[in-house]
């Protein structure tokens, strides 16, 4: 798996998790959904993603690398 595929997969997982936590645990978990959405929005303009930095540490390859 590449970083470019791992980032949206992780974001999708976090959104689904936060929706489930909001429903079953506390309505305040909706703020996790807001945080993930805000990060996706700023990534569209800045191409900076904190999750991508974490994935680089785990030595996932970028799509341009072999």
PDB file of N, CA and C in Angstrom:
ATOM      1  N   UNK A   1       0.850  -1.176   0.000  1.00  0.00           N
ATOM      2  CA  UNK A   1       0.000   0.000   0.000  1.00  0.00           C
ATOM      3  C   UNK A   1       0.895   1.239   0.000  1.00  0.00           C
ATOM      4  N   UNK A   2       0.468   2.243  -0.731  1.00  0.00           N
ATOM      5  CA  UNK A   2       1.221   3.493  -0.796  1.00  0.00           C
ATOM      6  C   UNK A   2       0.625   4.512   0.171  1.00  0.00           C
ATOM      7  N   UNK A   3       1.386   5.569   0.421  1.00  0.00           N
ATOM      8  CA  UNK A   3       0.922   6.640   1.300  1.00  0.00           C
ATOM      9  C   UNK A   3      -0.324   7.295   0.719  1.00  0.00           C
ATOM     10  N   UNK A   4      -0.332   7.475  -0.606  1.00  0.00           N
ATOM     11  CA  UNK A   4      -1.469   8.128  -1.251  1.00  0.00           C
ATOM     12  C   UNK A   4      -2.766   7.320  -1.114  1.00  0.00           C
ATOM     13  N   UNK A   5      -2.663   6.019  -0.945  1.00  0.00           N
ATOM     14  CA  UNK A   5      -3.854   5.190  -0.722  1.00  0.00           C
ATOM     15  C   UNK A   5      -4.151   5.036   0.759  1.00  0.00           C
ATOM     16  N   UNK A   6      -3.129   5.074   1.598  1.00  0.00           N
ATOM     17  CA  UNK A   6      -3.321   4.884   3.036  1.00  0.00           C
ATOM     18  C   UNK A   6      -3.999   6.088   3.687  1.00  0.00           C
ATOM     19  N   UNK A   7      -3.692   7.289   3.225  1.00  0.00           N
ATOM     20  CA  UNK A   7      -4.249   8.496   3.845  1.00  0.00           C
ATOM     21  C   UNK A   7      -5.776   8.551   3.714  1.00  0.00           C
ATOM     22  N   UNK A   8      -6.355   8.416   2.514  1.00  0.00           N
ATOM     23  CA  UNK A   8      -7.825   8.451   2.465  1.00  0.00           C
ATOM     24  C   UNK A   8      -8.478   7.247   3.144  1.00  0.00           C
ATOM     25  N   UNK A   9      -7.810   6.095   3.130  1.00  0.00           N
ATOM     26  CA  UNK A   9      -8.354   4.932   3.834  1.00  0.00           C
ATOM     27  C   UNK A   9      -8.407   5.199   5.333  1.00  0.00           C
ATOM     28  N   UNK A  10      -7.349   5.786   5.871  1.00  0.00           N
ATOM     29  CA  UNK A  10      -7.312   6.123   7.291  1.00  0.00           C
ATOM     30  C   UNK A  10      -8.360   7.184   7.630  1.00  0.00           C
ATOM     31  N   UNK A  11      -8.493   8.196   6.762  1.00  0.00           N
ATOM     32  CA  UNK A  11      -9.483   9.251   7.003  1.00  0.00           C
ATOM     33  C   UNK A  11     -10.898   8.666   6.993  1.00  0.00           C
ATOM     34  N   UNK A  12     -11.178   7.792   6.056  1.00  0.00           N
ATOM     35  CA  UNK A  12     -12.489   7.156   6.011  1.00  0.00           C
ATOM     36  C   UNK A  12     -12.760   6.327   7.248  1.00  0.00           C
ATOM     37  N   UNK A  13     -11.761   5.578   7.688  1.00  0.00           N
ATOM     38  CA  UNK A  13     -11.907   4.789   8.908  1.00  0.00           C
ATOM     39  C   UNK A  13     -12.182   5.686  10.114  1.00  0.00           C
ATOM     40  N   UNK A  14     -11.452   6.785  10.230  1.00  0.00           N
ATOM     41  CA  UNK A  14     -11.634   7.690  11.364  1.00  0.00           C
ATOM     42  C   UNK A  14     -13.020   8.332  11.353  1.00  0.00           C
ATOM     43  N   UNK A  15     -13.534   8.655  10.175  1.00  0.00           N
ATOM     44  CA  UNK A  15     -14.875   9.235  10.085  1.00  0.00           C
ATOM     45  C   UNK A  15     -15.921   8.214  10.520  1.00  0.00           C
ATOM     46  N   UNK A  16     -15.805   6.981  10.017  1.00  0.00           N
ATOM     47  CA  UNK A  16     -16.762   5.946  10.421  1.00  0.00           C
ATOM     48  C   UNK A  16     -16.672   5.652  11.915  1.00  0.00           C
ATOM     49  N   UNK A  17     -15.458   5.605  12.445  1.00  0.00           N
ATOM     50  CA  UNK A  17     -15.274   5.385  13.877  1.00  0.00           C
ATOM     51  C   UNK A  17     -15.901   6.507  14.695  1.00  0.00           C
ATOM     52  N   UNK A  18     -15.678   7.743  14.274  1.00  0.00           N
ATOM     53  CA  UNK A  18     -16.214   8.864  15.044  1.00  0.00           C
ATOM     54  C   UNK A  18     -17.738   8.918  14.979  1.00  0.00           C
ATOM     55  N   UNK A  19     -18.311   8.535  13.852  1.00  0.00           N
ATOM     56  CA  UNK A  19     -19.776   8.485  13.766  1.00  0.00           C
ATOM     57  C   UNK A  19     -20.319   7.413  14.706  1.00  0.00           C
ATOM     58  N   UNK A  20     -19.673   6.253  14.740  1.00  0.00           N
ATOM     59  CA  UNK A  20     -20.106   5.189  15.643  1.00  0.00           C
ATOM     60  C   UNK A  20     -19.959   5.621  17.101  1.00  0.00           C
ATOM     61  N   UNK A  21     -18.836   6.246  17.437  1.00  0.00           N
ATOM     62  CA  UNK A  21     -18.633   6.715  18.810  1.00  0.00           C
ATOM     63  C   UNK A  21     -19.639   7.800  19.185  1.00  0.00           C
ATOM     64  N   UNK A  22     -19.966   8.669  18.235  1.00  0.00           N
ATOM     65  CA  UNK A  22     -20.972   9.702  18.486  1.00  0.00           C
ATOM     66  C   UNK A  22     -22.325   9.071  18.780  1.00  0.00           C
ATOM     67  N   UNK A  23     -22.652   8.035  18.040  1.00  0.00           N
ATOM     68  CA  UNK A  23     -23.958   7.388  18.223  1.00  0.00           C
ATOM     69  C   UNK A  23     -24.032   6.605  19.527  1.00  0.00           C
ATOM     70  N   UNK A  24     -22.990   5.825  19.833  1.00  0.00           N
ATOM     71  CA  UNK A  24     -23.077   4.895  20.955  1.00  0.00           C
ATOM     72  C   UNK A  24     -22.406   5.366  22.252  1.00  0.00           C
ATOM     73  N   UNK A  25     -21.503   6.344  22.177  1.00  0.00           N
ATOM     74  CA  UNK A  25     -20.776   6.724  23.389  1.00  0.00           C
ATOM     75  C   UNK A  25     -21.158   8.128  23.844  1.00  0.00           C
ATOM     76  N   UNK A  26     -20.851   9.121  23.019  1.00  0.00           N
ATOM     77  CA  UNK A  26     -21.102  10.501  23.423  1.00  0.00           C
ATOM     78  C   UNK A  26     -21.258  11.376  22.190  1.00  0.00           C
ATOM     79  N   UNK A  27     -22.190  12.312  22.225  1.00  0.00           N
ATOM     80  CA  UNK A  27     -22.353  13.209  21.075  1.00  0.00           C
ATOM     81  C   UNK A  27     -21.141  14.121  20.850  1.00  0.00           C
ATOM     82  N   UNK A  28     -20.283  14.214  21.831  1.00  0.00           N
ATOM     83  CA  UNK A  28     -19.098  15.067  21.675  1.00  0.00           C
ATOM     84  C   UNK A  28     -18.064  14.480  20.716  1.00  0.00           C
ATOM     85  N   UNK A  29     -18.194  13.203  20.402  1.00  0.00           N
ATOM     86  CA  UNK A  29     -17.281  12.607  19.423  1.00  0.00           C
ATOM     87  C   UNK A  29     -17.512  13.159  18.019  1.00  0.00           C
ATOM     88  N   UNK A  30     -18.569  13.911  17.816  1.00  0.00           N
ATOM     89  CA  UNK A  30     -18.788  14.549  16.524  1.00  0.00           C
ATOM     90  C   UNK A  30     -17.623  15.494  16.202  1.00  0.00           C
ATOM     91  N   UNK A  31     -16.948  15.985  17.230  1.00  0.00           N
ATOM     92  CA  UNK A  31     -15.806  16.878  17.002  1.00  0.00           C
ATOM     93  C   UNK A  31     -14.636  16.154  16.345  1.00  0.00           C
ATOM     94  N   UNK A  32     -14.532  14.851  16.540  1.00  0.00           N
ATOM     95  CA  UNK A  32     -13.516  14.079  15.825  1.00  0.00           C
ATOM     96  C   UNK A  32     -13.831  14.073  14.334  1.00  0.00           C
ATOM     97  N   UNK A  33     -15.097  13.938  13.991  1.00  0.00           N
ATOM     98  CA  UNK A  33     -15.510  14.008  12.591  1.00  0.00           C
ATOM     99  C   UNK A  33     -15.183  15.377  12.004  1.00  0.00           C
ATOM    100  N   UNK A  34     -15.454  16.418  12.754  1.00  0.00           N
ATOM    101  CA  UNK A  34     -15.153  17.778  12.306  1.00  0.00           C
ATOM    102  C   UNK A  34     -13.649  17.944  12.098  1.00  0.00           C
ATOM    103  N   UNK A  35     -12.841  17.427  13.012  1.00  0.00           N
ATOM    104  CA  UNK A  35     -11.393  17.532  12.897  1.00  0.00           C
ATOM    105  C   UNK A  35     -10.876  16.820  11.646  1.00  0.00           C
ATOM    106  N   UNK A  36     -11.355  15.618  11.408  1.00  0.00           N
ATOM    107  CA  UNK A  36     -10.919  14.865  10.223  1.00  0.00           C
ATOM    108  C   UNK A  36     -11.351  15.594   8.949  1.00  0.00           C
ATOM    109  N   UNK A  37     -12.571  16.086   8.928  1.00  0.00           N
ATOM    110  CA  UNK A  37     -13.049  16.832   7.763  1.00  0.00           C
ATOM    111  C   UNK A  37     -12.253  18.105   7.519  1.00  0.00           C
ATOM    112  N   UNK A  38     -11.911  18.808   8.582  1.00  0.00           N
ATOM    113  CA  UNK A  38     -11.104  20.027   8.443  1.00  0.00           C
ATOM    114  C   UNK A  38      -9.711  19.702   7.911  1.00  0.00           C
ATOM    115  N   UNK A  39      -9.133  18.591   8.361  1.00  0.00           N
ATOM    116  CA  UNK A  39      -7.825  18.188   7.845  1.00  0.00           C
ATOM    117  C   UNK A  39      -7.901  17.829   6.362  1.00  0.00           C
ATOM    118  N   UNK A  40      -8.963  17.144   5.956  1.00  0.00           N
ATOM    119  CA  UNK A  40      -9.125  16.823   4.535  1.00  0.00           C
ATOM    120  C   UNK A  40      -9.283  18.094   3.706  1.00  0.00           C
ATOM    121  N   UNK A  41     -10.029  19.062   4.236  1.00  0.00           N
ATOM    122  CA  UNK A  41     -10.244  20.322   3.528  1.00  0.00           C
ATOM    123  C   UNK A  41      -8.943  21.103   3.365  1.00  0.00           C
ATOM    124  N   UNK A  42      -8.162  21.218   4.447  1.00  0.00           N
ATOM    125  CA  UNK A  42      -6.909  21.967   4.337  1.00  0.00           C
ATOM    126  C   UNK A  42      -5.900  21.231   3.473  1.00  0.00           C
ATOM    127  N   UNK A  43      -5.951  19.884   3.444  1.00  0.00           N
ATOM    128  CA  UNK A  43      -5.057  19.108   2.593  1.00  0.00           C
ATOM    129  C   UNK A  43      -5.300  19.404   1.110  1.00  0.00           C
ATOM    130  N   UNK A  44      -6.550  19.677   0.754  1.00  0.00           N
ATOM    131  CA  UNK A  44      -6.870  19.980  -0.644  1.00  0.00           C
ATOM    132  C   UNK A  44      -6.140  21.228  -1.135  1.00  0.00           C
ATOM    133  N   UNK A  45      -5.839  22.147  -0.232  1.00  0.00           N
ATOM    134  CA  UNK A  45      -5.190  23.389  -0.626  1.00  0.00           C
ATOM    135  C   UNK A  45      -3.697  23.417  -0.339  1.00  0.00           C
ATOM    136  N   UNK A  46      -3.265  22.766   0.736  1.00  0.00           N
ATOM    137  CA  UNK A  46      -1.865  22.877   1.143  1.00  0.00           C
ATOM    138  C   UNK A  46      -1.030  21.650   0.818  1.00  0.00           C
ATOM    139  N   UNK A  47      -1.683  20.522   0.535  1.00  0.00           N
ATOM    140  CA  UNK A  47      -1.012  19.237   0.303  1.00  0.00           C
ATOM    141  C   UNK A  47      -0.193  18.795   1.514  1.00  0.00           C
ATOM    142  N   UNK A  48      -0.565  19.272   2.693  1.00  0.00           N
ATOM    143  CA  UNK A  48       0.075  18.852   3.940  1.00  0.00           C
ATOM    144  C   UNK A  48      -0.918  18.017   4.734  1.00  0.00           C
ATOM    145  N   UNK A  49      -0.493  16.832   5.140  1.00  0.00           N
ATOM    146  CA  UNK A  49      -1.360  15.947   5.914  1.00  0.00           C
ATOM    147  C   UNK A  49      -0.554  15.337   7.061  1.00  0.00           C
ATOM    148  N   UNK A  50      -0.961  15.573   8.303  1.00  0.00           N
ATOM    149  CA  UNK A  50      -0.244  15.000   9.441  1.00  0.00           C
ATOM    150  C   UNK A  50      -0.206  13.469   9.402  1.00  0.00           C
ATOM    151  N   UNK A  51      -1.264  12.836   8.925  1.00  0.00           N
ATOM    152  CA  UNK A  51      -1.275  11.370   8.844  1.00  0.00           C
ATOM    153  C   UNK A  51      -0.217  10.861   7.868  1.00  0.00           C
ATOM    154  N   UNK A  52       0.029  11.600   6.798  1.00  0.00           N
ATOM    155  CA  UNK A  52       1.054  11.190   5.822  1.00  0.00           C
ATOM    156  C   UNK A  52       2.433  11.180   6.470  1.00  0.00           C
ATOM    157  N   UNK A  53       2.675  12.109   7.388  1.00  0.00           N
ATOM    158  CA  UNK A  53       3.961  12.121   8.090  1.00  0.00           C
ATOM    159  C   UNK A  53       4.129  10.861   8.936  1.00  0.00           C
ATOM    160  N   UNK A  54       3.049  10.445   9.572  1.00  0.00           N
ATOM    161  CA  UNK A  54       3.091   9.216  10.375  1.00  0.00           C
ATOM    162  C   UNK A  54       3.322   8.009   9.474  1.00  0.00           C
ATOM    163  N   UNK A  55       2.658   7.979   8.334  1.00  0.00           N
ATOM    164  CA  UNK A  55       2.835   6.855   7.418  1.00  0.00           C
ATOM    165  C   UNK A  55       4.247   6.806   6.836  1.00  0.00           C
ATOM    166  N   UNK A  56       4.882   7.966   6.658  1.00  0.00           N
ATOM    167  CA  UNK A  56       6.280   7.986   6.184  1.00  0.00           C
ATOM    168  C   UNK A  56       7.208   7.355   7.211  1.00  0.00           C
ATOM    169  N   UNK A  57       6.931   7.579   8.486  1.00  0.00           N
ATOM    170  CA  UNK A  57       7.740   6.990   9.556  1.00  0.00           C
ATOM    171  C   UNK A  57       7.622   5.483   9.546  1.00  0.00           C
ATOM    172  N   UNK A  58       6.428   4.976   9.190  1.00  0.00           N
ATOM    173  CA  UNK A  58       6.233   3.528   9.118  1.00  0.00           C
ATOM    174  C   UNK A  58       6.809   2.948   7.831  1.00  0.00           C
ATOM    175  N   UNK A  59       7.463   3.767   7.065  1.00  0.00           N
ATOM    176  CA  UNK A  59       8.182   3.375   5.845  1.00  0.00           C
ATOM    177  C   UNK A  59       7.281   2.883   4.715  1.00  0.00           C
ATOM    178  N   UNK A  60       6.051   3.427   4.654  1.00  0.00           N
ATOM    179  CA  UNK A  60       5.228   3.194   3.477  1.00  0.00           C
ATOM    180  C   UNK A  60       5.837   3.970   2.324  1.00  0.00           C
ATOM    181  N   UNK A  61       5.757   3.436   1.154  1.00  0.00           N
ATOM    182  CA  UNK A  61       6.324   4.096  -0.026  1.00  0.00           C
ATOM    183  C   UNK A  61       5.317   5.053  -0.637  1.00  0.00           C
ATOM    184  N   UNK A  62       5.851   6.089  -1.266  1.00  0.00           N
ATOM    185  CA  UNK A  62       5.028   6.999  -2.036  1.00  0.00           C
ATOM    186  C   UNK A  62       4.761   6.360  -3.402  1.00  0.00           C
ATOM    187  N   UNK A  63       3.737   6.824  -4.089  1.00  0.00           N
ATOM    188  CA  UNK A  63       3.376   6.235  -5.383  1.00  0.00           C
ATOM    189  C   UNK A  63       4.498   6.385  -6.408  1.00  0.00           C
ATOM    190  N   UNK A  64       5.305   7.428  -6.300  1.00  0.00           N
ATOM    191  CA  UNK A  64       6.390   7.649  -7.248  1.00  0.00           C
ATOM    192  C   UNK A  64       7.637   6.831  -6.971  1.00  0.00           C
ATOM    193  N   UNK A  65       7.725   6.202  -5.815  1.00  0.00           N
ATOM    194  CA  UNK A  65       8.892   5.417  -5.445  1.00  0.00           C
ATOM    195  C   UNK A  65       8.673   3.955  -5.783  1.00  0.00           C
ATOM    196  N   UNK A  66       9.790   3.251  -6.019  1.00  0.00           N
ATOM    197  CA  UNK A  66       9.646   1.809  -6.254  1.00  0.00           C
ATOM    198  C   UNK A  66      10.359   0.989  -5.220  1.00  0.00           C
TER     199      UNK A  66
END
